[in-house]
Amino acid sequence: MSMDIPCRKGRLIVLSGPSGVGKGTIGSRLIAESNDLCFSVSATTRPMREGEVDGVNYYFKTIDEFQRMIDNGEFLEYMNVFGRNYYGTPRAFVEEKLNSGISVLLDIDVNGAMVVKDNYPEAVMIFIAPPSLAELHRRLVGRGTDTPEAIERRFGEAKSELALLHKYDYVVVNDDLELAVQDVFGILRTTALSDPVRMQELFELLNSEPV
C-alpha cells in the first residue's frame, strides 16, 4: 500500500545579513531552484515605479491604509525607512502561503527579523555573514552604487548587525556563493526532517495503517 504524506504547512524562513553580503543573490537562487518556496510580498507606501505590478512587486498602500494595517495588527514586522516610506510584511499573505504548503522567504534586516522572531517563534532564522569585515567593505565599494558616505554608513550598520548574529538559528558564511547556497539548502532540508508537525503527521499516518 502506498503511503501519502498529507500536505503539511510551509515554513517561514528569515534570511538576514549586512548590505553587500549577498543575501539577495542567495535568496533568488533558493527561489529559482525550489518548487515550494516563494518570496514574501511586502507592503509599502512608496510610489509605484514603472514596470512594477501591485501585488507582485509590492502591495502599494497609502499612508492611511498602511497605518490602518498597523493598528489592526496586520504586519509580522514593519519599519519606516529614513523617515520617508513604510515597508512591512503582511501577515495575511504569509499565512495564506504557509497554510497551502508553500514556504515563505523573508529577506529583511536584523531589526525586522527580531520582530518576526517574536511574532513567529517557529521561523527558521538564517544569518548570512561575510568572511571578514575587510571583504565586506571591499564588496560594498565594488558595487559602485553608493557614495563614500553611504558606504561608511552601511559598514557601520553591518557591525551592529553582526552583534546580533547569536540570535539566529544558523549562520552561513558567504565566502563562496555556490557553497553558501548549498549550505542554506542543507539547513532547509535538515529543518524539514525535524519539523514537529511533519513528524506528528507521519506518526498518525503510520498508526492508522492496518496491521
C-alpha atoms as a PDB file:
ATOM      1  CA  MET A   1       0.000   0.000   0.000  1.00  0.00           C
ATOM      2  CA  SER A   2       1.323   3.459  -0.882  1.00  0.00           C
ATOM      3  CA  MET A   3       1.673   5.938   1.924  1.00  0.00           C
ATOM      4  CA  ASP A   4       0.940   9.586   1.052  1.00  0.00           C
ATOM      5  CA  ILE A   5       2.008  12.272   3.486  1.00  0.00           C
ATOM      6  CA  PRO A   6      -0.669  14.990   3.775  1.00  0.00           C
ATOM      7  CA  CYS A   7       0.179  18.477   2.512  1.00  0.00           C
ATOM      8  CA  ARG A   8       1.925  19.997   5.518  1.00  0.00           C
ATOM      9  CA  LYS A   9       2.196  23.623   6.454  1.00  0.00           C
ATOM     10  CA  GLY A  10       5.016  25.605   4.872  1.00  0.00           C
ATOM     11  CA  ARG A  11       7.817  27.155   6.883  1.00  0.00           C
ATOM     12  CA  LEU A  12       8.694  30.799   7.394  1.00  0.00           C
ATOM     13  CA  ILE A  13      12.360  31.308   6.565  1.00  0.00           C
ATOM     14  CA  VAL A  14      14.128  34.524   7.549  1.00  0.00           C
ATOM     15  CA  LEU A  15      17.305  35.483   5.697  1.00  0.00           C
ATOM     16  CA  SER A  16      19.279  38.394   7.133  1.00  0.00           C
ATOM     17  CA  GLY A  17      22.729  39.876   6.844  1.00  0.00           C
ATOM     18  CA  PRO A  18      24.556  43.147   6.196  1.00  0.00           C
ATOM     19  CA  SER A  19      24.273  45.070   2.931  1.00  0.00           C
ATOM     20  CA  GLY A  20      26.714  43.658   0.408  1.00  0.00           C
ATOM     21  CA  VAL A  21      26.892  40.197   1.956  1.00  0.00           C
ATOM     22  CA  GLY A  22      24.980  38.572  -0.931  1.00  0.00           C
ATOM     23  CA  LYS A  23      21.769  37.530   0.824  1.00  0.00           C
ATOM     24  CA  GLY A  24      19.628  38.802  -2.060  1.00  0.00           C
ATOM     25  CA  THR A  25      21.553  36.679  -4.548  1.00  0.00           C
ATOM     26  CA  ILE A  26      21.319  33.642  -2.283  1.00  0.00           C
ATOM     27  CA  GLY A  27      17.589  34.186  -1.797  1.00  0.00           C
ATOM     28  CA  SER A  28      16.987  34.436  -5.540  1.00  0.00           C
ATOM     29  CA  ARG A  29      18.862  31.179  -6.091  1.00  0.00           C
ATOM     30  CA  LEU A  30      16.786  29.441  -3.422  1.00  0.00           C
ATOM     31  CA  ILE A  31      13.549  30.579  -5.086  1.00  0.00           C
ATOM     32  CA  ALA A  32      14.742  29.638  -8.592  1.00  0.00           C
ATOM     33  CA  GLU A  33      15.714  26.131  -7.509  1.00  0.00           C
ATOM     34  CA  SER A  34      12.698  25.360  -5.270  1.00  0.00           C
ATOM     35  CA  ASN A  35       9.145  24.340  -6.151  1.00  0.00           C
ATOM     36  CA  ASP A  36       7.617  25.065  -2.751  1.00  0.00           C
ATOM     37  CA  LEU A  37       9.269  28.344  -1.766  1.00  0.00           C
ATOM     38  CA  CYS A  38       8.323  31.942  -2.561  1.00  0.00           C
ATOM     39  CA  PHE A  39       9.447  35.423  -1.593  1.00  0.00           C
ATOM     40  CA  SER A  40       7.175  37.353   0.716  1.00  0.00           C
ATOM     41  CA  VAL A  41       5.466  40.310  -0.980  1.00  0.00           C
ATOM     42  CA  SER A  42       5.893  43.388   1.202  1.00  0.00           C
ATOM     43  CA  ALA A  43       3.569  46.349   1.574  1.00  0.00           C
ATOM     44  CA  THR A  44       4.987  49.834   1.088  1.00  0.00           C
ATOM     45  CA  THR A  45       3.929  53.454   0.967  1.00  0.00           C
ATOM     46  CA  ARG A  46       6.496  54.417  -1.654  1.00  0.00           C
ATOM     47  CA  PRO A  47       5.207  55.270  -5.153  1.00  0.00           C
ATOM     48  CA  MET A  48       4.939  52.509  -7.726  1.00  0.00           C
ATOM     49  CA  ARG A  49       7.771  52.569 -10.263  1.00  0.00           C
ATOM     50  CA  GLU A  50       7.480  51.934 -13.965  1.00  0.00           C
ATOM     51  CA  GLY A  51       7.067  48.236 -14.707  1.00  0.00           C
ATOM     52  CA  GLU A  52       6.010  47.306 -11.176  1.00  0.00           C
ATOM     53  CA  VAL A  53       2.740  45.484 -10.504  1.00  0.00           C
ATOM     54  CA  ASP A  54       0.650  45.832  -7.359  1.00  0.00           C
ATOM     55  CA  GLY A  55       0.526  42.522  -5.501  1.00  0.00           C
ATOM     56  CA  VAL A  56       3.548  41.183  -7.378  1.00  0.00           C
ATOM     57  CA  ASN A  57       6.434  43.509  -6.580  1.00  0.00           C
ATOM     58  CA  TYR A  58       4.767  45.125  -3.573  1.00  0.00           C
ATOM     59  CA  TYR A  59       1.361  45.858  -2.153  1.00  0.00           C
ATOM     60  CA  PHE A  60       1.274  49.609  -2.685  1.00  0.00           C
ATOM     61  CA  LYS A  61      -0.563  51.430   0.114  1.00  0.00           C
ATOM     62  CA  THR A  62      -1.345  54.989   1.056  1.00  0.00           C
ATOM     63  CA  ILE A  63      -0.027  56.173   4.413  1.00  0.00           C
ATOM     64  CA  ASP A  64      -3.574  55.968   5.846  1.00  0.00           C
ATOM     65  CA  GLU A  65      -4.010  52.402   4.556  1.00  0.00           C
ATOM     66  CA  PHE A  66      -0.656  51.358   5.976  1.00  0.00           C
ATOM     67  CA  GLN A  67      -1.479  52.937   9.337  1.00  0.00           C
ATOM     68  CA  ARG A  68      -4.792  51.061   9.466  1.00  0.00           C
ATOM     69  CA  MET A  69      -2.894  47.818   8.860  1.00  0.00           C
ATOM     70  CA  ILE A  70      -0.545  48.678  11.723  1.00  0.00           C
ATOM     71  CA  ASP A  71      -3.490  49.467  14.014  1.00  0.00           C
ATOM     72  CA  ASN A  72      -5.164  46.160  13.099  1.00  0.00           C
ATOM     73  CA  GLY A  73      -2.022  44.105  13.773  1.00  0.00           C
ATOM     74  CA  GLU A  74      -1.773  43.011  10.147  1.00  0.00           C
ATOM     75  CA  PHE A  75       2.039  43.025   9.933  1.00  0.00           C
ATOM     76  CA  LEU A  76       4.574  40.460  11.092  1.00  0.00           C
ATOM     77  CA  GLU A  77       7.007  43.386  11.071  1.00  0.00           C
ATOM     78  CA  TYR A  78       7.211  46.867   9.611  1.00  0.00           C
ATOM     79  CA  MET A  79       9.600  49.800   9.544  1.00  0.00           C
ATOM     80  CA  ASN A  80       9.948  53.375   8.382  1.00  0.00           C
ATOM     81  CA  VAL A  81      12.970  53.896   6.124  1.00  0.00           C
ATOM     82  CA  PHE A  82      14.789  57.205   6.515  1.00  0.00           C
ATOM     83  CA  GLY A  83      11.614  58.846   7.788  1.00  0.00           C
ATOM     84  CA  ARG A  84      10.011  58.701   4.356  1.00  0.00           C
ATOM     85  CA  ASN A  85       8.406  55.404   3.323  1.00  0.00           C
ATOM     86  CA  TYR A  86       6.997  52.476   5.274  1.00  0.00           C
ATOM     87  CA  TYR A  87       7.689  48.849   4.462  1.00  0.00           C
ATOM     88  CA  GLY A  88       6.095  45.849   6.130  1.00  0.00           C
ATOM     89  CA  THR A  89       5.428  42.106   5.883  1.00  0.00           C
ATOM     90  CA  PRO A  90       1.665  41.442   5.645  1.00  0.00           C
ATOM     91  CA  ARG A  91       0.644  38.630   7.950  1.00  0.00           C
ATOM     92  CA  ALA A  92      -2.251  37.524   5.675  1.00  0.00           C
ATOM     93  CA  PHE A  93      -0.004  36.850   2.659  1.00  0.00           C
ATOM     94  CA  VAL A  94       2.438  34.804   4.728  1.00  0.00           C
ATOM     95  CA  GLU A  95      -0.246  32.742   6.471  1.00  0.00           C
ATOM     96  CA  GLU A  96      -2.086  32.035   3.205  1.00  0.00           C
ATOM     97  CA  LYS A  97       1.078  30.634   1.624  1.00  0.00           C
ATOM     98  CA  LEU A  98       2.119  28.656   4.705  1.00  0.00           C
ATOM     99  CA  ASN A  99      -1.331  27.084   5.065  1.00  0.00           C
ATOM    100  CA  SER A 100      -1.212  25.983   1.418  1.00  0.00           C
ATOM    101  CA  GLY A 101       2.083  24.172   1.988  1.00  0.00           C
ATOM    102  CA  ILE A 102       4.314  26.845   0.430  1.00  0.00           C
ATOM    103  CA  SER A 103       7.275  28.077   2.469  1.00  0.00           C
ATOM    104  CA  VAL A 104       7.892  31.825   2.548  1.00  0.00           C
ATOM    105  CA  LEU A 105      11.298  33.506   2.411  1.00  0.00           C
ATOM    106  CA  LEU A 106      11.794  36.872   4.098  1.00  0.00           C
ATOM    107  CA  ASP A 107      14.872  38.873   3.076  1.00  0.00           C
ATOM    108  CA  ILE A 108      14.868  41.504   5.835  1.00  0.00           C
ATOM    109  CA  ASP A 109      17.264  43.387   8.089  1.00  0.00           C
ATOM    110  CA  VAL A 110      18.094  42.221  11.591  1.00  0.00           C
ATOM    111  CA  ASN A 111      15.697  44.615  13.319  1.00  0.00           C
ATOM    112  CA  GLY A 112      12.745  43.320  11.318  1.00  0.00           C
ATOM    113  CA  ALA A 113      13.973  39.763  11.801  1.00  0.00           C
ATOM    114  CA  MET A 114      13.939  40.114  15.587  1.00  0.00           C
ATOM    115  CA  VAL A 115      10.310  41.302  15.449  1.00  0.00           C
ATOM    116  CA  VAL A 116       9.380  38.333  13.230  1.00  0.00           C
ATOM    117  CA  LYS A 117      11.121  36.000  15.677  1.00  0.00           C
ATOM    118  CA  ASP A 118       8.961  37.364  18.496  1.00  0.00           C
ATOM    119  CA  ASN A 119       5.749  37.151  16.461  1.00  0.00           C
ATOM    120  CA  TYR A 120       6.527  33.797  14.818  1.00  0.00           C
ATOM    121  CA  PRO A 121       8.941  31.839  17.067  1.00  0.00           C
ATOM    122  CA  GLU A 122       8.941  28.788  14.773  1.00  0.00           C
ATOM    123  CA  ALA A 123      10.526  30.770  11.922  1.00  0.00           C
ATOM    124  CA  VAL A 124      13.835  29.376  10.641  1.00  0.00           C
ATOM    125  CA  MET A 125      16.339  32.172  11.276  1.00  0.00           C
ATOM    126  CA  ILE A 126      19.416  32.210   8.981  1.00  0.00           C
ATOM    127  CA  PHE A 127      22.125  34.867   9.102  1.00  0.00           C
ATOM    128  CA  ILE A 128      24.360  35.358   6.066  1.00  0.00           C
ATOM    129  CA  ALA A 129      27.776  36.572   7.229  1.00  0.00           C
ATOM    130  CA  PRO A 130      30.804  37.871   5.300  1.00  0.00           C
ATOM    131  CA  PRO A 131      34.106  36.003   5.565  1.00  0.00           C
ATOM    132  CA  SER A 132      35.626  39.166   7.089  1.00  0.00           C
ATOM    133  CA  LEU A 133      34.811  42.838   7.623  1.00  0.00           C
ATOM    134  CA  ALA A 134      37.549  43.759   5.154  1.00  0.00           C
ATOM    135  CA  GLU A 135      35.909  41.635   2.450  1.00  0.00           C
ATOM    136  CA  LEU A 136      32.503  43.133   3.216  1.00  0.00           C
ATOM    137  CA  HIS A 137      33.935  46.641   2.828  1.00  0.00           C
ATOM    138  CA  ARG A 138      35.522  45.621  -0.469  1.00  0.00           C
ATOM    139  CA  ARG A 139      32.174  44.328  -1.748  1.00  0.00           C
ATOM    140  CA  LEU A 140      30.356  47.499  -0.721  1.00  0.00           C
ATOM    141  CA  VAL A 141      32.907  49.609  -2.593  1.00  0.00           C
ATOM    142  CA  GLY A 142      32.906  47.237  -5.566  1.00  0.00           C
ATOM    143  CA  ARG A 143      29.150  47.557  -6.105  1.00  0.00           C
ATOM    144  CA  GLY A 144      29.693  51.109  -7.265  1.00  0.00           C
ATOM    145  CA  THR A 145      26.141  52.117  -6.306  1.00  0.00           C
ATOM    146  CA  ASP A 146      26.773  54.122  -3.139  1.00  0.00           C
ATOM    147  CA  THR A 147      28.567  57.320  -2.230  1.00  0.00           C
ATOM    148  CA  PRO A 148      31.590  57.025   0.092  1.00  0.00           C
ATOM    149  CA  GLU A 149      29.404  58.382   2.905  1.00  0.00           C
ATOM    150  CA  ALA A 150      26.705  55.764   2.262  1.00  0.00           C
ATOM    151  CA  ILE A 151      29.309  53.009   2.164  1.00  0.00           C
ATOM    152  CA  GLU A 152      30.665  54.012   5.560  1.00  0.00           C
ATOM    153  CA  ARG A 153      27.134  54.223   6.965  1.00  0.00           C
ATOM    154  CA  ARG A 154      26.306  50.743   5.687  1.00  0.00           C
ATOM    155  CA  PHE A 155      29.618  49.426   7.002  1.00  0.00           C
ATOM    156  CA  GLY A 156      28.863  50.866  10.432  1.00  0.00           C
ATOM    157  CA  GLU A 157      25.406  49.293  10.372  1.00  0.00           C
ATOM    158  CA  ALA A 158      26.986  45.942   9.460  1.00  0.00           C
ATOM    159  CA  LYS A 159      28.988  45.924  12.687  1.00  0.00           C
ATOM    160  CA  SER A 160      25.795  46.441  14.696  1.00  0.00           C
ATOM    161  CA  GLU A 161      24.009  43.716  12.724  1.00  0.00           C
ATOM    162  CA  LEU A 162      26.823  41.233  13.304  1.00  0.00           C
ATOM    163  CA  ALA A 163      26.422  41.806  17.039  1.00  0.00           C
ATOM    164  CA  LEU A 164      23.001  40.093  16.793  1.00  0.00           C
ATOM    165  CA  LEU A 165      24.355  37.046  14.996  1.00  0.00           C
ATOM    166  CA  HIS A 166      23.859  34.879  18.105  1.00  0.00           C
ATOM    167  CA  LYS A 167      20.090  35.481  17.934  1.00  0.00           C
ATOM    168  CA  TYR A 168      19.825  33.337  14.782  1.00  0.00           C
ATOM    169  CA  ASP A 169      19.394  29.574  14.490  1.00  0.00           C
ATOM    170  CA  TYR A 170      22.025  29.228  11.758  1.00  0.00           C
ATOM    171  CA  VAL A 171      24.931  31.225  10.343  1.00  0.00           C
ATOM    172  CA  VAL A 172      26.197  30.766   6.781  1.00  0.00           C
ATOM    173  CA  VAL A 173      29.439  32.444   5.728  1.00  0.00           C
ATOM    174  CA  ASN A 174      29.238  33.643   2.123  1.00  0.00           C
ATOM    175  CA  ASP A 175      32.840  33.190   1.079  1.00  0.00           C
ATOM    176  CA  ASP A 176      31.902  31.122  -1.983  1.00  0.00           C
ATOM    177  CA  LEU A 177      28.403  31.722  -3.399  1.00  0.00           C
ATOM    178  CA  GLU A 178      27.795  28.139  -4.580  1.00  0.00           C
ATOM    179  CA  LEU A 179      28.806  26.703  -1.231  1.00  0.00           C
ATOM    180  CA  ALA A 180      26.680  29.260   0.627  1.00  0.00           C
ATOM    181  CA  VAL A 181      23.615  28.377  -1.448  1.00  0.00           C
ATOM    182  CA  GLN A 182      24.157  24.670  -0.789  1.00  0.00           C
ATOM    183  CA  ASP A 183      24.656  25.365   2.928  1.00  0.00           C
ATOM    184  CA  VAL A 184      21.275  27.109   3.100  1.00  0.00           C
ATOM    185  CA  PHE A 185      19.624  24.289   1.154  1.00  0.00           C
ATOM    186  CA  GLY A 186      21.168  21.885   3.666  1.00  0.00           C
ATOM    187  CA  ILE A 187      19.633  23.857   6.524  1.00  0.00           C
ATOM    188  CA  LEU A 188      16.214  23.769   4.874  1.00  0.00           C
ATOM    189  CA  ARG A 189      16.433  20.013   4.302  1.00  0.00           C
ATOM    190  CA  THR A 190      17.504  19.418   7.893  1.00  0.00           C
ATOM    191  CA  THR A 191      14.759  21.567   9.395  1.00  0.00           C
ATOM    192  CA  ALA A 192      12.174  19.887   7.168  1.00  0.00           C
ATOM    193  CA  LEU A 193      13.193  16.461   8.500  1.00  0.00           C
ATOM    194  CA  SER A 194      12.909  17.661  12.091  1.00  0.00           C
ATOM    195  CA  ASP A 195       9.665  19.594  11.600  1.00  0.00           C
ATOM    196  CA  PRO A 196       7.433  18.543  14.548  1.00  0.00           C
ATOM    197  CA  VAL A 197       4.233  18.989  12.506  1.00  0.00           C
ATOM    198  CA  ARG A 198       5.543  16.681   9.782  1.00  0.00           C
ATOM    199  CA  MET A 199       6.691  14.152  12.390  1.00  0.00           C
ATOM    200  CA  GLN A 200       3.244  14.159  14.019  1.00  0.00           C
ATOM    201  CA  GLU A 201       1.538  13.711  10.643  1.00  0.00           C
ATOM    202  CA  LEU A 202       3.792  10.762   9.851  1.00  0.00           C
ATOM    203  CA  PHE A 203       3.207   9.246  13.304  1.00  0.00           C
ATOM    204  CA  GLU A 204      -0.575   9.478  12.887  1.00  0.00           C
ATOM    205  CA  LEU A 205      -0.409   8.065   9.370  1.00  0.00           C
ATOM    206  CA  LEU A 206       1.708   5.110  10.429  1.00  0.00           C
ATOM    207  CA  ASN A 207      -0.628   4.337  13.314  1.00  0.00           C
ATOM    208  CA  SER A 208      -3.661   4.445  11.035  1.00  0.00           C
ATOM    209  CA  GLU A 209      -2.220   1.718   8.782  1.00  0.00           C
ATOM    210  CA  PRO A 210      -3.846  -1.722   9.286  1.00  0.00           C
ATOM    211  CA  VAL A 211      -1.503  -4.330  10.724  1.00  0.00           C
END
